[in-house]
């Protein structure tokens, strides 16, 4: 059995998203899963999500593996922002967007025949819900997690 943590997401010499397992390289999630079908097991959802996300979005989105840690960082960022400051172009503030329902953000999992995971947009810090059919992993959909208005503590 393959140690799934030994699969490394990266880019090849041409800059294309790739996964490596030892000396073998895989240029698509389908090729990787064909070689390592254990990735389709429910208890491998986090490893599978990591590689689906890499092939779909590369470094633009990072897999949320620890929802509590994500919530803690998000809240800390909100608290560090000055809500009395007006919106400014080019300045990214989470308070300008809102607050997700952190209970909705979960670790990667199978929901029937669908892989569901959450990823953070590195540019904005916002969370996205991603899903992909286990038979169509190359085309995950990413939807922003709904946000409520931010109400700063008094």
C-alpha atoms as a PDB file:
ATOM      1  CA  UNK A   1       0.000   0.000   0.000  1.00  0.00           C
ATOM      2  CA  UNK A   2       1.220   3.488  -0.861  1.00  0.00           C
ATOM      3  CA  UNK A   3       1.978   5.956   1.918  1.00  0.00           C
ATOM      4  CA  UNK A   4      -0.269   8.762   0.694  1.00  0.00           C
ATOM      5  CA  UNK A   5       1.750  11.403   2.525  1.00  0.00           C
ATOM      6  CA  UNK A   6       4.681  10.616   0.218  1.00  0.00           C
ATOM      7  CA  UNK A   7       2.822  12.090  -2.770  1.00  0.00           C
ATOM      8  CA  UNK A   8       4.191  15.591  -3.323  1.00  0.00           C
ATOM      9  CA  UNK A   9       2.308  18.343  -5.158  1.00  0.00           C
ATOM     10  CA  UNK A  10       4.571  20.601  -7.172  1.00  0.00           C
ATOM     11  CA  UNK A  11       5.274  21.944 -10.641  1.00  0.00           C
ATOM     12  CA  UNK A  12       7.410  20.280 -13.279  1.00  0.00           C
ATOM     13  CA  UNK A  13      10.231  21.924 -15.253  1.00  0.00           C
ATOM     14  CA  UNK A  14       7.692  23.427 -17.672  1.00  0.00           C
ATOM     15  CA  UNK A  15       5.770  24.986 -14.776  1.00  0.00           C
ATOM     16  CA  UNK A  16       2.817  22.605 -15.081  1.00  0.00           C
ATOM     17  CA  UNK A  17       1.070  21.352 -11.968  1.00  0.00           C
ATOM     18  CA  UNK A  18       2.350  17.895 -11.143  1.00  0.00           C
ATOM     19  CA  UNK A  19       2.302  15.302  -8.387  1.00  0.00           C
ATOM     20  CA  UNK A  20       5.326  13.159  -7.613  1.00  0.00           C
ATOM     21  CA  UNK A  21       5.494   9.766  -5.974  1.00  0.00           C
ATOM     22  CA  UNK A  22       9.109   8.734  -5.776  1.00  0.00           C
ATOM     23  CA  UNK A  23      10.523   9.017  -9.295  1.00  0.00           C
ATOM     24  CA  UNK A  24       7.083   8.869 -10.945  1.00  0.00           C
ATOM     25  CA  UNK A  25       5.323  12.074 -11.946  1.00  0.00           C
ATOM     26  CA  UNK A  26       1.655  12.597 -12.724  1.00  0.00           C
ATOM     27  CA  UNK A  27       0.358  15.473 -14.824  1.00  0.00           C
ATOM     28  CA  UNK A  28      -3.286  15.163 -13.835  1.00  0.00           C
ATOM     29  CA  UNK A  29      -5.434  14.098 -10.923  1.00  0.00           C
ATOM     30  CA  UNK A  30      -6.870  11.321 -13.099  1.00  0.00           C
ATOM     31  CA  UNK A  31      -3.404   9.881 -13.770  1.00  0.00           C
ATOM     32  CA  UNK A  32      -2.536  10.080 -10.075  1.00  0.00           C
ATOM     33  CA  UNK A  33      -5.740   8.332  -8.974  1.00  0.00           C
ATOM     34  CA  UNK A  34      -5.293   5.641 -11.640  1.00  0.00           C
ATOM     35  CA  UNK A  35      -1.885   4.841 -10.136  1.00  0.00           C
ATOM     36  CA  UNK A  36      -2.923   5.311  -6.485  1.00  0.00           C
ATOM     37  CA  UNK A  37      -6.604   4.270  -6.217  1.00  0.00           C
ATOM     38  CA  UNK A  38      -6.333   4.334  -2.406  1.00  0.00           C
ATOM     39  CA  UNK A  39      -6.830   8.102  -2.739  1.00  0.00           C
ATOM     40  CA  UNK A  40     -10.510   7.394  -3.430  1.00  0.00           C
ATOM     41  CA  UNK A  41     -11.052   5.817  -0.012  1.00  0.00           C
ATOM     42  CA  UNK A  42     -13.104   7.971   2.399  1.00  0.00           C
ATOM     43  CA  UNK A  43     -10.316   8.014   4.996  1.00  0.00           C
ATOM     44  CA  UNK A  44      -7.990   9.520   2.357  1.00  0.00           C
ATOM     45  CA  UNK A  45     -10.261  12.500   1.642  1.00  0.00           C
ATOM     46  CA  UNK A  46      -7.740  15.054   2.919  1.00  0.00           C
ATOM     47  CA  UNK A  47      -4.915  13.720   0.755  1.00  0.00           C
ATOM     48  CA  UNK A  48      -7.220  13.501  -2.258  1.00  0.00           C
ATOM     49  CA  UNK A  49      -8.476  17.055  -1.694  1.00  0.00           C
ATOM     50  CA  UNK A  50      -4.899  18.326  -1.445  1.00  0.00           C
ATOM     51  CA  UNK A  51      -4.100  16.948  -4.898  1.00  0.00           C
ATOM     52  CA  UNK A  52      -7.422  17.860  -6.533  1.00  0.00           C
ATOM     53  CA  UNK A  53      -6.919  21.419  -5.269  1.00  0.00           C
ATOM     54  CA  UNK A  54      -3.316  21.491  -6.534  1.00  0.00           C
ATOM     55  CA  UNK A  55      -4.269  20.435 -10.040  1.00  0.00           C
ATOM     56  CA  UNK A  56      -7.302  22.747 -10.134  1.00  0.00           C
ATOM     57  CA  UNK A  57      -5.931  25.893  -8.487  1.00  0.00           C
ATOM     58  CA  UNK A  58      -2.255  25.396  -7.728  1.00  0.00           C
ATOM     59  CA  UNK A  59      -0.939  27.789  -5.114  1.00  0.00           C
ATOM     60  CA  UNK A  60      -3.809  30.255  -5.545  1.00  0.00           C
ATOM     61  CA  UNK A  61      -5.930  28.350  -3.044  1.00  0.00           C
ATOM     62  CA  UNK A  62      -4.711  26.454  -0.004  1.00  0.00           C
ATOM     63  CA  UNK A  63      -6.607  23.483   1.398  1.00  0.00           C
ATOM     64  CA  UNK A  64      -8.222  24.132   4.793  1.00  0.00           C
ATOM     65  CA  UNK A  65      -7.184  21.058   6.751  1.00  0.00           C
ATOM     66  CA  UNK A  66      -7.847  22.517  10.200  1.00  0.00           C
ATOM     67  CA  UNK A  67     -11.103  24.511  10.247  1.00  0.00           C
ATOM     68  CA  UNK A  68     -10.544  25.681  13.846  1.00  0.00           C
ATOM     69  CA  UNK A  69      -7.122  27.081  12.956  1.00  0.00           C
ATOM     70  CA  UNK A  70      -8.598  28.826   9.896  1.00  0.00           C
ATOM     71  CA  UNK A  71     -11.351  30.373  12.052  1.00  0.00           C
ATOM     72  CA  UNK A  72      -8.800  31.511  14.635  1.00  0.00           C
ATOM     73  CA  UNK A  73      -6.621  33.195  11.983  1.00  0.00           C
ATOM     74  CA  UNK A  74      -9.655  34.785  10.297  1.00  0.00           C
ATOM     75  CA  UNK A  75     -10.954  36.188  13.593  1.00  0.00           C
ATOM     76  CA  UNK A  76      -7.488  37.447  14.551  1.00  0.00           C
ATOM     77  CA  UNK A  77      -7.216  39.253  11.215  1.00  0.00           C
ATOM     78  CA  UNK A  78     -10.659  40.827  11.715  1.00  0.00           C
ATOM     79  CA  UNK A  79      -9.684  42.014  15.189  1.00  0.00           C
ATOM     80  CA  UNK A  80      -6.479  43.567  13.842  1.00  0.00           C
ATOM     81  CA  UNK A  81      -8.387  45.675  11.305  1.00  0.00           C
ATOM     82  CA  UNK A  82      -9.648  49.167  12.145  1.00  0.00           C
ATOM     83  CA  UNK A  83     -13.360  49.212  11.247  1.00  0.00           C
ATOM     84  CA  UNK A  84     -13.428  53.026  11.394  1.00  0.00           C
ATOM     85  CA  UNK A  85     -11.130  53.232   8.372  1.00  0.00           C
ATOM     86  CA  UNK A  86     -12.916  53.647   5.032  1.00  0.00           C
ATOM     87  CA  UNK A  87     -12.552  51.172   2.210  1.00  0.00           C
ATOM     88  CA  UNK A  88      -9.404  51.744   0.148  1.00  0.00           C
ATOM     89  CA  UNK A  89      -8.580  50.346  -3.251  1.00  0.00           C
ATOM     90  CA  UNK A  90      -5.797  47.781  -3.132  1.00  0.00           C
ATOM     91  CA  UNK A  91      -6.104  47.209   0.625  1.00  0.00           C
ATOM     92  CA  UNK A  92      -7.481  43.762   1.405  1.00  0.00           C
ATOM     93  CA  UNK A  93      -9.553  43.683   4.590  1.00  0.00           C
ATOM     94  CA  UNK A  94     -11.705  40.763   5.653  1.00  0.00           C
ATOM     95  CA  UNK A  95     -14.057  43.205   7.395  1.00  0.00           C
ATOM     96  CA  UNK A  96     -14.947  44.622   3.957  1.00  0.00           C
ATOM     97  CA  UNK A  97     -16.273  41.193   2.990  1.00  0.00           C
ATOM     98  CA  UNK A  98     -17.830  39.729   6.134  1.00  0.00           C
ATOM     99  CA  UNK A  99     -17.665  36.646   8.295  1.00  0.00           C
ATOM    100  CA  UNK A 100     -18.401  33.071   7.253  1.00  0.00           C
ATOM    101  CA  UNK A 101     -20.329  30.611   9.371  1.00  0.00           C
ATOM    102  CA  UNK A 102     -17.249  28.795  10.605  1.00  0.00           C
ATOM    103  CA  UNK A 103     -19.337  25.737  11.518  1.00  0.00           C
ATOM    104  CA  UNK A 104     -19.961  25.193   7.796  1.00  0.00           C
ATOM    105  CA  UNK A 105     -16.230  24.838   7.106  1.00  0.00           C
ATOM    106  CA  UNK A 106     -15.239  21.222   7.651  1.00  0.00           C
ATOM    107  CA  UNK A 107     -12.337  18.925   6.975  1.00  0.00           C
ATOM    108  CA  UNK A 108     -12.341  17.213   3.569  1.00  0.00           C
ATOM    109  CA  UNK A 109     -14.891  14.420   3.292  1.00  0.00           C
ATOM    110  CA  UNK A 110     -16.897  12.265   0.956  1.00  0.00           C
ATOM    111  CA  UNK A 111     -20.562  13.163   0.598  1.00  0.00           C
ATOM    112  CA  UNK A 112     -21.884  10.156  -1.248  1.00  0.00           C
ATOM    113  CA  UNK A 113     -19.984  10.096  -4.546  1.00  0.00           C
ATOM    114  CA  UNK A 114     -18.709  13.652  -4.138  1.00  0.00           C
ATOM    115  CA  UNK A 115     -15.501  14.942  -2.585  1.00  0.00           C
ATOM    116  CA  UNK A 116     -16.192  18.086  -0.540  1.00  0.00           C
ATOM    117  CA  UNK A 117     -13.463  20.311   0.843  1.00  0.00           C
ATOM    118  CA  UNK A 118     -12.791  23.932   1.725  1.00  0.00           C
ATOM    119  CA  UNK A 119      -9.955  26.082   0.470  1.00  0.00           C
ATOM    120  CA  UNK A 120      -8.681  29.542   1.320  1.00  0.00           C
ATOM    121  CA  UNK A 121      -8.044  32.034  -1.456  1.00  0.00           C
ATOM    122  CA  UNK A 122      -4.498  33.216  -0.727  1.00  0.00           C
ATOM    123  CA  UNK A 123      -5.150  36.651  -2.235  1.00  0.00           C
ATOM    124  CA  UNK A 124      -8.245  37.499  -0.189  1.00  0.00           C
ATOM    125  CA  UNK A 125      -8.204  35.112   2.778  1.00  0.00           C
ATOM    126  CA  UNK A 126     -11.778  34.087   1.976  1.00  0.00           C
ATOM    127  CA  UNK A 127     -13.010  30.501   2.181  1.00  0.00           C
ATOM    128  CA  UNK A 128     -14.444  28.569  -0.737  1.00  0.00           C
ATOM    129  CA  UNK A 129     -16.428  25.331  -0.704  1.00  0.00           C
ATOM    130  CA  UNK A 130     -15.114  23.004  -3.367  1.00  0.00           C
ATOM    131  CA  UNK A 131     -16.747  19.853  -4.621  1.00  0.00           C
ATOM    132  CA  UNK A 132     -15.979  17.297  -7.285  1.00  0.00           C
ATOM    133  CA  UNK A 133     -17.555  14.054  -8.318  1.00  0.00           C
ATOM    134  CA  UNK A 134     -15.300  11.135  -7.445  1.00  0.00           C
ATOM    135  CA  UNK A 135     -15.622  10.159 -11.116  1.00  0.00           C
ATOM    136  CA  UNK A 136     -14.796  13.699 -12.325  1.00  0.00           C
ATOM    137  CA  UNK A 137     -12.082  14.983 -10.019  1.00  0.00           C
ATOM    138  CA  UNK A 138     -10.409  17.078 -12.720  1.00  0.00           C
ATOM    139  CA  UNK A 139     -13.265  19.593 -12.674  1.00  0.00           C
ATOM    140  CA  UNK A 140     -14.031  20.685  -9.115  1.00  0.00           C
ATOM    141  CA  UNK A 141     -16.356  23.616  -8.575  1.00  0.00           C
ATOM    142  CA  UNK A 142     -15.425  26.385  -6.149  1.00  0.00           C
ATOM    143  CA  UNK A 143     -18.164  28.477  -4.546  1.00  0.00           C
ATOM    144  CA  UNK A 144     -17.523  31.263  -2.025  1.00  0.00           C
ATOM    145  CA  UNK A 145     -18.684  30.437   1.484  1.00  0.00           C
ATOM    146  CA  UNK A 146     -21.605  32.811   2.248  1.00  0.00           C
ATOM    147  CA  UNK A 147     -20.661  35.728   4.472  1.00  0.00           C
ATOM    148  CA  UNK A 148     -22.569  37.643   7.127  1.00  0.00           C
ATOM    149  CA  UNK A 149     -21.903  41.313   7.790  1.00  0.00           C
ATOM    150  CA  UNK A 150     -19.034  41.939  10.152  1.00  0.00           C
ATOM    151  CA  UNK A 151     -20.087  43.478  13.470  1.00  0.00           C
ATOM    152  CA  UNK A 152     -16.987  44.627  15.369  1.00  0.00           C
ATOM    153  CA  UNK A 153     -16.955  44.167  19.128  1.00  0.00           C
ATOM    154  CA  UNK A 154     -17.529  47.377  21.042  1.00  0.00           C
END
